Amino acid sequence: MDQKKVIEAIQQVRSAEKRKFTQGIDVILNLKELDVNKDEGKLDEFIPLPHGRASPAKVCIFVGPELKDQGQKFADLMILSDDFGKWTDARQLRKLVRDYDFFLGQANIMPLVAKAFAKYLGPLGKVPNPKAGHILPPKANLEPLIKNLRMTARVTIKKAPTIQFSIGSEKMTDEQLADNFKAVYDRLLTKLPKAQHNIKEILVKATMGKPVKVVQ
């Protein structure tokens, strides 16, 4: 993908009517020759963005006493295993799942995490993901992991052959946004069965703006 073409689309998005708030910049990839009902059409990737997200991801961690001190220091919210029993209100649990982007769990207490929280985390796909390294040994070093997650975008294919993800906000430079796009695009090419041949079109848009097509 020619970065100049991506930057041209970003500049066209910027030229639209200004809003009174900072808009996010999203990319939409419409796909082709991909059956989302088969394994080839399933995708769930956690991709660090070189210049970070529009706003840092919020991280909640479920821990036992082994990771308590680190959890208090580095996570946005730490829930200690001894306190799981306090989380019984459905409204409170739904708000928890909405408010945090990523959930990490200490490996030896994951059965307790599942019992207390999986009912609410599961439907939104936020149960701690072992493939993404979100289930932690009791002696894990949390600082670099959480620092990395704050700059990570989750990119998925759901029911339609479309991928939409944020590459940052209009406060970033065109080059920073293009770099973030490239980080995601390059990873996706290694995951889609036909690489760039699965991509029908690429669109860039601001939160309240109209999509602009990237000329390929």
N, C-alpha and C. Protein backbone atom coordinates (compact mmCIF):
# COMPACT_ATOMS: atom_id res chain seq x y z
N MET A 1 0.84 -1.20 0.00
CA MET A 1 0.00 0.00 0.00
C MET A 1 0.87 1.25 0.00
N ASP A 2 0.60 2.17 -0.92
CA ASP A 2 1.34 3.42 -1.03
C ASP A 2 0.90 4.37 0.09
N GLN A 3 1.84 4.69 0.99
CA GLN A 3 1.52 5.57 2.12
C GLN A 3 1.05 6.94 1.64
N LYS A 4 1.53 7.40 0.49
CA LYS A 4 1.10 8.71 -0.02
C LYS A 4 -0.39 8.72 -0.30
N LYS A 5 -0.90 7.59 -0.80
CA LYS A 5 -2.34 7.50 -1.09
C LYS A 5 -3.16 7.55 0.20
N VAL A 6 -2.63 6.91 1.24
CA VAL A 6 -3.32 6.94 2.55
C VAL A 6 -3.32 8.36 3.09
N ILE A 7 -2.19 9.05 3.00
CA ILE A 7 -2.10 10.42 3.50
C ILE A 7 -3.03 11.34 2.71
N GLU A 8 -3.14 11.14 1.42
CA GLU A 8 -4.06 11.95 0.61
C GLU A 8 -5.50 11.79 1.09
N ALA A 9 -5.89 10.56 1.40
CA ALA A 9 -7.24 10.32 1.91
C ALA A 9 -7.44 10.97 3.28
N ILE A 10 -6.43 10.87 4.15
CA ILE A 10 -6.51 11.50 5.46
C ILE A 10 -6.66 13.01 5.32
N GLN A 11 -5.91 13.61 4.41
CA GLN A 11 -5.99 15.06 4.19
C GLN A 11 -7.36 15.46 3.68
N GLN A 12 -7.94 14.63 2.84
CA GLN A 12 -9.29 14.92 2.34
C GLN A 12 -10.31 14.83 3.46
N VAL A 13 -10.13 13.87 4.37
CA VAL A 13 -11.01 13.76 5.53
C VAL A 13 -10.89 15.01 6.40
N ARG A 14 -9.69 15.50 6.57
CA ARG A 14 -9.47 16.69 7.40
C ARG A 14 -10.10 17.95 6.79
N SER A 15 -10.21 17.98 5.48
CA SER A 15 -10.72 19.18 4.81
C SER A 15 -12.21 19.39 4.99
N ALA A 16 -12.90 18.40 5.53
CA ALA A 16 -14.34 18.51 5.75
C ALA A 16 -14.64 19.46 6.89
N GLU A 17 -15.92 19.71 7.11
CA GLU A 17 -16.37 20.64 8.16
C GLU A 17 -15.78 20.28 9.52
N LYS A 18 -15.24 21.28 10.20
CA LYS A 18 -14.65 21.07 11.52
C LYS A 18 -15.75 20.93 12.58
N ARG A 19 -15.47 20.15 13.59
CA ARG A 19 -16.39 19.96 14.71
C ARG A 19 -15.84 20.62 15.96
N LYS A 20 -16.67 20.75 16.96
CA LYS A 20 -16.26 21.41 18.20
C LYS A 20 -15.57 20.45 19.16
N PHE A 21 -15.32 19.24 18.71
CA PHE A 21 -14.62 18.25 19.52
C PHE A 21 -13.60 17.55 18.64
N THR A 22 -12.66 16.89 19.29
CA THR A 22 -11.64 16.16 18.55
C THR A 22 -12.21 14.85 18.02
N GLN A 23 -12.19 14.69 16.73
CA GLN A 23 -12.74 13.48 16.13
C GLN A 23 -11.69 12.37 16.03
N GLY A 24 -12.15 11.16 16.12
CA GLY A 24 -11.30 10.02 15.82
C GLY A 24 -11.21 9.83 14.32
N ILE A 25 -10.16 9.14 13.89
CA ILE A 25 -9.99 8.80 12.48
C ILE A 25 -10.04 7.28 12.36
N ASP A 26 -10.99 6.79 11.58
CA ASP A 26 -11.21 5.36 11.42
C ASP A 26 -10.87 4.91 10.01
N VAL A 27 -10.55 3.64 9.90
CA VAL A 27 -10.37 3.00 8.60
C VAL A 27 -11.39 1.87 8.49
N ILE A 28 -11.99 1.77 7.32
CA ILE A 28 -12.92 0.68 7.02
C ILE A 28 -12.35 -0.12 5.85
N LEU A 29 -12.18 -1.41 6.04
CA LEU A 29 -11.75 -2.30 4.96
C LEU A 29 -12.95 -3.16 4.57
N ASN A 30 -13.45 -2.98 3.37
CA ASN A 30 -14.48 -3.87 2.85
C ASN A 30 -13.79 -5.02 2.13
N LEU A 31 -14.20 -6.23 2.46
CA LEU A 31 -13.49 -7.43 2.02
C LEU A 31 -14.24 -8.15 0.91
N LYS A 32 -13.54 -9.02 0.22
CA LYS A 32 -14.14 -9.84 -0.84
C LYS A 32 -13.52 -11.22 -0.81
N GLU A 33 -14.20 -12.16 -1.45
CA GLU A 33 -13.71 -13.54 -1.57
C GLU A 33 -13.35 -14.11 -0.20
N LEU A 34 -14.22 -13.85 0.77
CA LEU A 34 -13.96 -14.30 2.15
C LEU A 34 -15.28 -14.70 2.78
N ASP A 35 -15.37 -15.93 3.25
CA ASP A 35 -16.58 -16.43 3.89
C ASP A 35 -16.44 -16.26 5.40
N VAL A 36 -17.19 -15.32 5.96
CA VAL A 36 -17.06 -15.03 7.39
C VAL A 36 -17.62 -16.15 8.26
N ASN A 37 -18.32 -17.10 7.65
CA ASN A 37 -18.86 -18.22 8.41
C ASN A 37 -17.88 -19.39 8.51
N LYS A 38 -16.75 -19.28 7.84
CA LYS A 38 -15.73 -20.32 7.89
C LYS A 38 -14.51 -19.80 8.65
N ASP A 39 -13.63 -20.71 9.00
CA ASP A 39 -12.44 -20.34 9.77
C ASP A 39 -11.60 -19.29 9.06
N GLU A 40 -11.55 -19.34 7.73
CA GLU A 40 -10.76 -18.37 6.98
C GLU A 40 -11.25 -16.94 7.17
N GLY A 41 -12.53 -16.83 7.53
CA GLY A 41 -13.12 -15.50 7.69
C GLY A 41 -13.18 -15.03 9.12
N LYS A 42 -12.52 -15.75 10.02
CA LYS A 42 -12.51 -15.35 11.43
C LYS A 42 -11.19 -14.65 11.74
N LEU A 43 -11.28 -13.53 12.40
CA LEU A 43 -10.08 -12.77 12.71
C LEU A 43 -10.29 -12.00 14.00
N ASP A 44 -9.30 -12.07 14.88
CA ASP A 44 -9.33 -11.34 16.14
C ASP A 44 -7.88 -11.06 16.53
N GLU A 45 -7.41 -9.87 16.19
CA GLU A 45 -6.00 -9.52 16.37
C GLU A 45 -5.84 -8.33 17.31
N PHE A 46 -4.78 -8.37 18.11
CA PHE A 46 -4.42 -7.28 18.99
C PHE A 46 -3.13 -6.68 18.44
N ILE A 47 -3.21 -5.44 17.93
CA ILE A 47 -2.11 -4.87 17.16
C ILE A 47 -1.64 -3.56 17.79
N PRO A 48 -0.41 -3.50 18.29
CA PRO A 48 0.12 -2.25 18.84
C PRO A 48 0.26 -1.20 17.74
N LEU A 49 -0.16 0.03 18.04
CA LEU A 49 -0.04 1.14 17.10
C LEU A 49 1.20 1.95 17.45
N PRO A 50 2.08 2.21 16.50
CA PRO A 50 3.34 2.88 16.81
C PRO A 50 3.18 4.25 17.45
N HIS A 51 2.08 4.94 17.14
CA HIS A 51 1.86 6.28 17.72
C HIS A 51 0.67 6.31 18.68
N GLY A 52 0.23 5.14 19.10
CA GLY A 52 -0.83 5.06 20.09
C GLY A 52 -2.22 5.26 19.51
N ARG A 53 -3.20 5.14 20.38
CA ARG A 53 -4.61 5.23 20.02
C ARG A 53 -5.09 6.67 20.15
N ALA A 54 -6.36 6.89 19.76
CA ALA A 54 -6.96 8.21 19.95
C ALA A 54 -6.97 8.56 21.43
N SER A 55 -7.24 7.59 22.26
CA SER A 55 -7.09 7.71 23.72
C SER A 55 -6.57 6.38 24.22
N PRO A 56 -5.70 6.38 25.24
CA PRO A 56 -5.11 5.12 25.70
C PRO A 56 -6.17 4.11 26.12
N ALA A 57 -5.94 2.85 25.79
CA ALA A 57 -6.85 1.80 26.21
C ALA A 57 -6.88 1.71 27.73
N LYS A 58 -8.05 1.40 28.27
CA LYS A 58 -8.20 1.21 29.71
C LYS A 58 -8.12 -0.28 30.04
N VAL A 59 -7.31 -0.60 31.03
CA VAL A 59 -7.00 -1.99 31.34
C VAL A 59 -7.47 -2.33 32.75
N CYS A 60 -8.26 -3.38 32.86
CA CYS A 60 -8.69 -3.92 34.16
C CYS A 60 -8.01 -5.27 34.35
N ILE A 61 -7.57 -5.54 35.57
CA ILE A 61 -6.86 -6.79 35.83
C ILE A 61 -7.45 -7.51 37.03
N PHE A 62 -7.64 -8.82 36.87
CA PHE A 62 -8.13 -9.69 37.93
C PHE A 62 -6.91 -10.42 38.51
N VAL A 63 -6.62 -10.20 39.77
CA VAL A 63 -5.39 -10.76 40.34
C VAL A 63 -5.61 -11.37 41.71
N GLY A 64 -4.65 -12.23 42.08
CA GLY A 64 -4.54 -12.71 43.44
C GLY A 64 -3.51 -11.88 44.19
N PRO A 65 -3.17 -12.26 45.40
CA PRO A 65 -2.24 -11.47 46.20
C PRO A 65 -0.85 -11.33 45.56
N GLU A 66 -0.46 -12.29 44.71
CA GLU A 66 0.88 -12.25 44.11
C GLU A 66 1.09 -11.02 43.23
N LEU A 67 0.03 -10.56 42.56
CA LEU A 67 0.15 -9.43 41.64
C LEU A 67 -0.57 -8.17 42.15
N LYS A 68 -0.95 -8.19 43.41
CA LYS A 68 -1.73 -7.08 43.95
C LYS A 68 -0.99 -5.75 43.84
N ASP A 69 0.26 -5.70 44.28
CA ASP A 69 1.00 -4.44 44.29
C ASP A 69 1.19 -3.89 42.88
N GLN A 70 1.56 -4.76 41.94
CA GLN A 70 1.72 -4.32 40.56
C GLN A 70 0.39 -3.87 39.95
N GLY A 71 -0.66 -4.62 40.26
CA GLY A 71 -1.97 -4.27 39.73
C GLY A 71 -2.42 -2.89 40.18
N GLN A 72 -2.21 -2.57 41.45
CA GLN A 72 -2.56 -1.26 41.97
C GLN A 72 -1.75 -0.16 41.29
N LYS A 73 -0.51 -0.47 40.97
CA LYS A 73 0.40 0.54 40.42
C LYS A 73 0.17 0.80 38.94
N PHE A 74 -0.10 -0.24 38.16
CA PHE A 74 -0.05 -0.08 36.71
C PHE A 74 -1.41 -0.17 36.00
N ALA A 75 -2.38 -0.88 36.56
CA ALA A 75 -3.67 -1.04 35.88
C ALA A 75 -4.59 0.15 36.16
N ASP A 76 -5.55 0.35 35.28
CA ASP A 76 -6.57 1.37 35.52
C ASP A 76 -7.52 0.92 36.63
N LEU A 77 -7.75 -0.37 36.69
CA LEU A 77 -8.57 -0.94 37.76
C LEU A 77 -8.03 -2.32 38.09
N MET A 78 -7.85 -2.59 39.37
CA MET A 78 -7.45 -3.91 39.84
C MET A 78 -8.59 -4.48 40.68
N ILE A 79 -8.98 -5.71 40.38
CA ILE A 79 -9.99 -6.39 41.19
C ILE A 79 -9.32 -7.62 41.80
N LEU A 80 -9.21 -7.60 43.11
CA LEU A 80 -8.55 -8.68 43.84
C LEU A 80 -9.49 -9.88 43.97
N SER A 81 -8.93 -11.08 43.89
CA SER A 81 -9.76 -12.29 43.95
C SER A 81 -10.61 -12.33 45.21
N ASP A 82 -10.10 -11.82 46.32
CA ASP A 82 -10.88 -11.81 47.56
C ASP A 82 -12.12 -10.94 47.46
N ASP A 83 -12.15 -10.03 46.47
CA ASP A 83 -13.27 -9.11 46.33
C ASP A 83 -14.25 -9.51 45.24
N PHE A 84 -14.02 -10.65 44.58
CA PHE A 84 -14.92 -11.06 43.51
C PHE A 84 -16.37 -11.17 43.98
N GLY A 85 -16.54 -11.60 45.22
CA GLY A 85 -17.88 -11.78 45.75
C GLY A 85 -18.69 -10.50 45.87
N LYS A 86 -18.00 -9.36 45.81
CA LYS A 86 -18.70 -8.07 45.89
C LYS A 86 -19.33 -7.66 44.57
N TRP A 87 -18.91 -8.36 43.51
CA TRP A 87 -19.40 -8.00 42.17
C TRP A 87 -20.59 -8.89 41.80
N THR A 88 -21.75 -8.49 42.30
CA THR A 88 -22.95 -9.28 42.06
C THR A 88 -24.06 -8.49 41.36
N ASP A 89 -23.91 -7.18 41.32
CA ASP A 89 -24.95 -6.33 40.72
C ASP A 89 -24.80 -6.32 39.21
N ALA A 90 -25.85 -6.72 38.48
CA ALA A 90 -25.78 -6.83 37.03
C ALA A 90 -25.46 -5.49 36.37
N ARG A 91 -26.05 -4.43 36.86
CA ARG A 91 -25.80 -3.10 36.27
C ARG A 91 -24.33 -2.71 36.44
N GLN A 92 -23.80 -2.97 37.61
CA GLN A 92 -22.40 -2.66 37.89
C GLN A 92 -21.47 -3.48 36.99
N LEU A 93 -21.80 -4.74 36.79
CA LEU A 93 -20.98 -5.62 35.95
C LEU A 93 -21.04 -5.20 34.49
N ARG A 94 -22.21 -4.82 34.00
CA ARG A 94 -22.32 -4.37 32.61
C ARG A 94 -21.51 -3.09 32.39
N LYS A 95 -21.54 -2.20 33.37
CA LYS A 95 -20.77 -0.96 33.26
C LYS A 95 -19.27 -1.25 33.25
N LEU A 96 -18.84 -2.19 34.09
CA LEU A 96 -17.43 -2.58 34.13
C LEU A 96 -16.97 -3.04 32.75
N VAL A 97 -17.73 -3.91 32.13
CA VAL A 97 -17.35 -4.47 30.84
C VAL A 97 -17.34 -3.40 29.75
N ARG A 98 -18.26 -2.46 29.82
CA ARG A 98 -18.30 -1.37 28.84
C ARG A 98 -17.13 -0.41 29.00
N ASP A 99 -16.76 -0.13 30.25
CA ASP A 99 -15.82 0.95 30.54
C ASP A 99 -14.36 0.60 30.27
N TYR A 100 -14.03 -0.69 30.19
CA TYR A 100 -12.63 -1.09 30.04
C TYR A 100 -12.43 -1.83 28.72
N ASP A 101 -11.30 -1.53 28.08
CA ASP A 101 -11.01 -2.10 26.76
C ASP A 101 -10.45 -3.51 26.84
N PHE A 102 -9.55 -3.73 27.81
CA PHE A 102 -8.89 -5.02 27.93
C PHE A 102 -8.96 -5.51 29.37
N PHE A 103 -9.12 -6.82 29.51
CA PHE A 103 -9.16 -7.47 30.81
C PHE A 103 -8.06 -8.53 30.86
N LEU A 104 -7.25 -8.48 31.91
CA LEU A 104 -6.19 -9.45 32.13
C LEU A 104 -6.54 -10.29 33.35
N GLY A 105 -6.09 -11.53 33.36
CA GLY A 105 -6.38 -12.39 34.50
C GLY A 105 -5.17 -13.19 34.91
N GLN A 106 -5.00 -13.36 36.20
CA GLN A 106 -3.91 -14.19 36.73
C GLN A 106 -4.28 -15.65 36.53
N ALA A 107 -3.37 -16.43 35.98
CA ALA A 107 -3.68 -17.78 35.51
C ALA A 107 -4.29 -18.67 36.59
N ASN A 108 -3.74 -18.65 37.79
CA ASN A 108 -4.18 -19.60 38.81
C ASN A 108 -5.52 -19.25 39.44
N ILE A 109 -6.08 -18.08 39.08
CA ILE A 109 -7.42 -17.74 39.60
C ILE A 109 -8.45 -17.62 38.46
N MET A 110 -8.08 -18.04 37.24
CA MET A 110 -9.00 -17.90 36.12
C MET A 110 -10.33 -18.63 36.31
N PRO A 111 -10.37 -19.80 36.98
CA PRO A 111 -11.69 -20.39 37.23
C PRO A 111 -12.60 -19.47 38.05
N LEU A 112 -12.02 -18.73 39.00
CA LEU A 112 -12.81 -17.79 39.80
C LEU A 112 -13.24 -16.60 38.95
N VAL A 113 -12.35 -16.14 38.07
CA VAL A 113 -12.69 -15.04 37.16
C VAL A 113 -13.86 -15.45 36.27
N ALA A 114 -13.77 -16.65 35.72
CA ALA A 114 -14.83 -17.13 34.83
C ALA A 114 -16.17 -17.21 35.55
N LYS A 115 -16.14 -17.73 36.77
CA LYS A 115 -17.38 -17.88 37.53
C LYS A 115 -18.02 -16.54 37.83
N ALA A 116 -17.21 -15.54 38.15
CA ALA A 116 -17.75 -14.25 38.58
C ALA A 116 -18.06 -13.29 37.44
N PHE A 117 -17.28 -13.38 36.33
CA PHE A 117 -17.36 -12.31 35.33
C PHE A 117 -17.62 -12.77 33.90
N ALA A 118 -17.44 -14.05 33.59
CA ALA A 118 -17.52 -14.50 32.19
C ALA A 118 -18.88 -14.25 31.56
N LYS A 119 -19.93 -14.31 32.34
CA LYS A 119 -21.28 -14.08 31.81
C LYS A 119 -21.39 -12.72 31.15
N TYR A 120 -20.66 -11.75 31.67
CA TYR A 120 -20.74 -10.38 31.15
C TYR A 120 -19.60 -10.07 30.18
N LEU A 121 -18.43 -10.66 30.41
CA LEU A 121 -17.30 -10.44 29.51
C LEU A 121 -17.48 -11.19 28.19
N GLY A 122 -18.03 -12.39 28.26
CA GLY A 122 -18.12 -13.26 27.10
C GLY A 122 -18.84 -12.66 25.90
N PRO A 123 -20.06 -12.11 26.08
CA PRO A 123 -20.80 -11.59 24.92
C PRO A 123 -20.07 -10.48 24.17
N LEU A 124 -19.21 -9.75 24.85
CA LEU A 124 -18.45 -8.68 24.20
C LEU A 124 -17.03 -9.12 23.81
N GLY A 125 -16.75 -10.40 23.97
CA GLY A 125 -15.45 -10.91 23.58
C GLY A 125 -14.30 -10.37 24.41
N LYS A 126 -14.56 -10.11 25.70
CA LYS A 126 -13.53 -9.49 26.53
C LYS A 126 -12.98 -10.40 27.63
N VAL A 127 -13.32 -11.69 27.58
CA VAL A 127 -12.70 -12.64 28.51
C VAL A 127 -11.18 -12.62 28.26
N PRO A 128 -10.34 -12.60 29.30
CA PRO A 128 -8.89 -12.59 29.09
C PRO A 128 -8.47 -13.65 28.07
N ASN A 129 -7.72 -13.19 27.07
CA ASN A 129 -7.42 -13.99 25.90
C ASN A 129 -6.03 -14.62 26.02
N PRO A 130 -5.93 -15.95 26.14
CA PRO A 130 -4.61 -16.57 26.29
C PRO A 130 -3.72 -16.39 25.06
N LYS A 131 -4.31 -16.40 23.85
CA LYS A 131 -3.52 -16.23 22.63
C LYS A 131 -2.88 -14.85 22.56
N ALA A 132 -3.53 -13.88 23.17
CA ALA A 132 -3.00 -12.52 23.16
C ALA A 132 -2.11 -12.23 24.36
N GLY A 133 -1.90 -13.25 25.21
CA GLY A 133 -1.05 -13.06 26.38
C GLY A 133 -1.74 -12.35 27.52
N HIS A 134 -3.07 -12.45 27.59
CA HIS A 134 -3.81 -11.74 28.62
C HIS A 134 -4.08 -12.58 29.87
N ILE A 135 -3.60 -13.82 29.88
CA ILE A 135 -3.63 -14.64 31.08
C ILE A 135 -2.20 -14.75 31.59
N LEU A 136 -2.01 -14.35 32.83
CA LEU A 136 -0.67 -14.06 33.34
C LEU A 136 -0.22 -15.02 34.42
N PRO A 137 1.06 -15.38 34.41
CA PRO A 137 1.59 -16.15 35.55
C PRO A 137 1.65 -15.26 36.79
N PRO A 138 1.64 -15.86 37.97
CA PRO A 138 1.62 -15.07 39.21
C PRO A 138 2.84 -14.18 39.41
N LYS A 139 3.91 -14.43 38.66
CA LYS A 139 5.12 -13.61 38.79
C LYS A 139 5.34 -12.73 37.55
N ALA A 140 4.27 -12.41 36.85
CA ALA A 140 4.38 -11.61 35.63
C ALA A 140 4.89 -10.21 35.92
N ASN A 141 5.51 -9.60 34.93
CA ASN A 141 5.91 -8.19 34.99
C ASN A 141 4.84 -7.39 34.26
N LEU A 142 4.01 -6.70 35.01
CA LEU A 142 2.84 -6.05 34.42
C LEU A 142 3.15 -4.76 33.68
N GLU A 143 4.17 -4.04 34.09
CA GLU A 143 4.39 -2.69 33.55
C GLU A 143 4.52 -2.68 32.02
N PRO A 144 5.43 -3.46 31.41
CA PRO A 144 5.55 -3.39 29.94
C PRO A 144 4.31 -3.92 29.23
N LEU A 145 3.66 -4.93 29.79
CA LEU A 145 2.47 -5.49 29.17
C LEU A 145 1.35 -4.47 29.11
N ILE A 146 1.08 -3.80 30.23
CA ILE A 146 -0.01 -2.83 30.26
C ILE A 146 0.35 -1.59 29.43
N LYS A 147 1.60 -1.17 29.47
CA LYS A 147 2.03 -0.04 28.64
C LYS A 147 1.77 -0.33 27.17
N ASN A 148 2.07 -1.55 26.74
CA ASN A 148 1.85 -1.95 25.36
C ASN A 148 0.37 -1.99 25.02
N LEU A 149 -0.44 -2.53 25.95
CA LEU A 149 -1.88 -2.63 25.71
C LEU A 149 -2.54 -1.27 25.55
N ARG A 150 -2.05 -0.27 26.25
CA ARG A 150 -2.64 1.07 26.15
C ARG A 150 -2.54 1.61 24.73
N MET A 151 -1.59 1.07 23.95
CA MET A 151 -1.39 1.54 22.58
C MET A 151 -1.87 0.51 21.55
N THR A 152 -2.69 -0.43 21.98
CA THR A 152 -3.09 -1.55 21.13
C THR A 152 -4.51 -1.40 20.61
N ALA A 153 -4.69 -1.72 19.34
CA ALA A 153 -6.02 -1.76 18.73
C ALA A 153 -6.44 -3.21 18.58
N ARG A 154 -7.69 -3.47 18.88
CA ARG A 154 -8.24 -4.80 18.63
C ARG A 154 -8.97 -4.77 17.29
N VAL A 155 -8.63 -5.68 16.40
CA VAL A 155 -9.16 -5.68 15.04
C VAL A 155 -9.83 -7.02 14.79
N THR A 156 -11.12 -6.98 14.46
CA THR A 156 -11.88 -8.22 14.32
C THR A 156 -12.72 -8.22 13.04
N ILE A 157 -13.04 -9.42 12.59
CA ILE A 157 -14.10 -9.62 11.61
C ILE A 157 -15.25 -10.27 12.36
N LYS A 158 -16.43 -9.70 12.24
CA LYS A 158 -17.58 -10.24 12.95
C LYS A 158 -18.54 -10.90 11.97
N LYS A 159 -19.74 -10.38 11.83
CA LYS A 159 -20.74 -11.07 11.01
C LYS A 159 -20.69 -10.66 9.55
N ALA A 160 -20.07 -9.52 9.26
CA ALA A 160 -20.03 -9.03 7.89
C ALA A 160 -18.58 -9.00 7.40
N PRO A 161 -18.35 -9.06 6.09
CA PRO A 161 -16.99 -9.03 5.55
C PRO A 161 -16.42 -7.61 5.54
N THR A 162 -16.32 -7.05 6.72
CA THR A 162 -15.85 -5.68 6.91
C THR A 162 -14.99 -5.61 8.16
N ILE A 163 -13.94 -4.84 8.10
CA ILE A 163 -13.10 -4.57 9.28
C ILE A 163 -13.08 -3.06 9.48
N GLN A 164 -13.38 -2.61 10.70
CA GLN A 164 -13.29 -1.18 11.00
C GLN A 164 -12.43 -1.00 12.25
N PHE A 165 -11.51 -0.05 12.20
CA PHE A 165 -10.63 0.18 13.34
C PHE A 165 -10.20 1.64 13.36
N SER A 166 -9.83 2.11 14.53
CA SER A 166 -9.35 3.48 14.69
C SER A 166 -7.84 3.52 14.48
N ILE A 167 -7.37 4.57 13.79
CA ILE A 167 -5.92 4.77 13.65
C ILE A 167 -5.46 5.99 14.45
N GLY A 168 -6.35 6.55 15.26
CA GLY A 168 -5.96 7.68 16.11
C GLY A 168 -6.99 8.79 16.07
N SER A 169 -6.54 10.01 16.28
CA SER A 169 -7.43 11.17 16.28
C SER A 169 -6.87 12.26 15.40
N GLU A 170 -7.68 13.27 15.11
CA GLU A 170 -7.24 14.35 14.24
C GLU A 170 -6.16 15.22 14.88
N LYS A 171 -5.87 15.00 16.16
CA LYS A 171 -4.75 15.69 16.78
C LYS A 171 -3.40 15.18 16.28
N MET A 172 -3.38 13.96 15.76
CA MET A 172 -2.15 13.37 15.25
C MET A 172 -1.81 13.94 13.89
N THR A 173 -0.54 13.82 13.50
CA THR A 173 -0.14 14.25 12.17
C THR A 173 -0.60 13.23 11.13
N ASP A 174 -0.61 13.67 9.88
CA ASP A 174 -0.98 12.75 8.80
C ASP A 174 -0.04 11.54 8.77
N GLU A 175 1.24 11.82 8.99
CA GLU A 175 2.24 10.75 8.95
C GLU A 175 2.05 9.75 10.09
N GLN A 176 1.70 10.25 11.28
CA GLN A 176 1.45 9.35 12.41
C GLN A 176 0.24 8.46 12.14
N LEU A 177 -0.82 9.06 11.61
CA LEU A 177 -2.02 8.28 11.29
C LEU A 177 -1.70 7.23 10.21
N ALA A 178 -0.93 7.62 9.22
CA ALA A 178 -0.57 6.68 8.17
C ALA A 178 0.30 5.55 8.70
N ASP A 179 1.21 5.86 9.63
CA ASP A 179 2.03 4.82 10.25
C ASP A 179 1.16 3.83 11.02
N ASN A 180 0.18 4.36 11.76
CA ASN A 180 -0.72 3.48 12.51
C ASN A 180 -1.52 2.59 11.56
N PHE A 181 -1.98 3.18 10.46
CA PHE A 181 -2.69 2.39 9.46
C PHE A 181 -1.80 1.26 8.94
N LYS A 182 -0.56 1.60 8.61
CA LYS A 182 0.36 0.61 8.03
C LYS A 182 0.60 -0.55 9.00
N ALA A 183 0.70 -0.26 10.31
CA ALA A 183 0.93 -1.32 11.29
C ALA A 183 -0.20 -2.34 11.26
N VAL A 184 -1.44 -1.84 11.16
CA VAL A 184 -2.59 -2.75 11.12
C VAL A 184 -2.67 -3.44 9.77
N TYR A 185 -2.54 -2.68 8.71
CA TYR A 185 -2.67 -3.23 7.35
C TYR A 185 -1.65 -4.35 7.11
N ASP A 186 -0.40 -4.11 7.50
CA ASP A 186 0.63 -5.12 7.27
C ASP A 186 0.34 -6.41 8.04
N ARG A 187 -0.17 -6.27 9.28
CA ARG A 187 -0.53 -7.47 10.04
C ARG A 187 -1.68 -8.21 9.37
N LEU A 188 -2.67 -7.47 8.90
CA LEU A 188 -3.83 -8.11 8.29
C LEU A 188 -3.45 -8.88 7.03
N LEU A 189 -2.50 -8.37 6.29
CA LEU A 189 -2.08 -9.07 5.08
C LEU A 189 -1.50 -10.45 5.39
N THR A 190 -0.95 -10.62 6.59
CA THR A 190 -0.41 -11.93 6.98
C THR A 190 -1.51 -12.86 7.50
N LYS A 191 -2.70 -12.31 7.77
CA LYS A 191 -3.78 -13.11 8.35
C LYS A 191 -4.89 -13.43 7.36
N LEU A 192 -5.13 -12.56 6.41
CA LEU A 192 -6.17 -12.83 5.41
C LEU A 192 -5.67 -13.90 4.44
N PRO A 193 -6.50 -14.85 4.08
CA PRO A 193 -6.02 -15.99 3.28
C PRO A 193 -5.45 -15.60 1.92
N LYS A 194 -5.97 -14.54 1.32
CA LYS A 194 -5.47 -14.09 0.02
C LYS A 194 -4.80 -12.72 0.12
N ALA A 195 -4.42 -12.35 1.32
CA ALA A 195 -3.70 -11.09 1.57
C ALA A 195 -4.45 -9.91 0.94
N GLN A 196 -3.76 -9.08 0.16
CA GLN A 196 -4.38 -7.87 -0.38
C GLN A 196 -5.52 -8.17 -1.35
N HIS A 197 -5.54 -9.40 -1.89
CA HIS A 197 -6.60 -9.76 -2.82
C HIS A 197 -7.96 -9.96 -2.12
N ASN A 198 -7.94 -10.02 -0.79
CA ASN A 198 -9.19 -10.07 -0.04
C ASN A 198 -9.76 -8.68 0.25
N ILE A 199 -9.01 -7.64 -0.07
CA ILE A 199 -9.43 -6.28 0.26
C ILE A 199 -10.07 -5.63 -0.96
N LYS A 200 -11.36 -5.37 -0.85
CA LYS A 200 -12.13 -4.77 -1.95
C LYS A 200 -11.89 -3.28 -2.04
N GLU A 201 -11.96 -2.59 -0.91
CA GLU A 201 -11.72 -1.16 -0.88
C GLU A 201 -11.33 -0.72 0.52
N ILE A 202 -10.64 0.41 0.57
CA ILE A 202 -10.18 0.99 1.84
C ILE A 202 -10.78 2.38 1.96
N LEU A 203 -11.44 2.65 3.07
CA LEU A 203 -12.07 3.94 3.32
C LEU A 203 -11.50 4.54 4.59
N VAL A 204 -11.36 5.86 4.60
CA VAL A 204 -10.94 6.59 5.80
C VAL A 204 -12.05 7.57 6.15
N LYS A 205 -12.36 7.70 7.44
CA LYS A 205 -13.40 8.65 7.84
C LYS A 205 -13.13 9.20 9.22
N ALA A 206 -13.62 10.42 9.44
CA ALA A 206 -13.64 10.98 10.79
C ALA A 206 -14.91 10.53 11.48
N THR A 207 -14.97 10.71 12.78
CA THR A 207 -16.11 10.23 13.57
C THR A 207 -17.44 10.67 12.97
N MET A 208 -17.55 11.94 12.61
CA MET A 208 -18.81 12.50 12.10
C MET A 208 -18.75 12.79 10.60
N GLY A 209 -17.70 12.31 9.94
CA GLY A 209 -17.52 12.65 8.53
C GLY A 209 -17.92 11.53 7.59
N LYS A 210 -17.88 11.86 6.31
CA LYS A 210 -18.18 10.89 5.27
C LYS A 210 -16.92 10.11 4.90
N PRO A 211 -17.07 8.85 4.56
CA PRO A 211 -15.89 8.04 4.17
C PRO A 211 -15.24 8.57 2.89
N VAL A 212 -13.91 8.50 2.87
CA VAL A 212 -13.13 8.86 1.68
C VAL A 212 -12.36 7.62 1.24
N LYS A 213 -12.46 7.29 -0.02
CA LYS A 213 -11.81 6.09 -0.54
C LYS A 213 -10.32 6.32 -0.77
N VAL A 214 -9.51 5.36 -0.32
CA VAL A 214 -8.09 5.39 -0.62
C VAL A 214 -7.89 4.84 -2.01
N VAL A 215 -7.32 5.63 -2.90
CA VAL A 215 -7.08 5.20 -4.27
C VAL A 215 -5.89 4.24 -4.28
N GLN A 216 -6.15 3.01 -4.75
CA GLN A 216 -5.08 2.00 -4.75
C GLN A 216 -4.43 1.89 -6.13
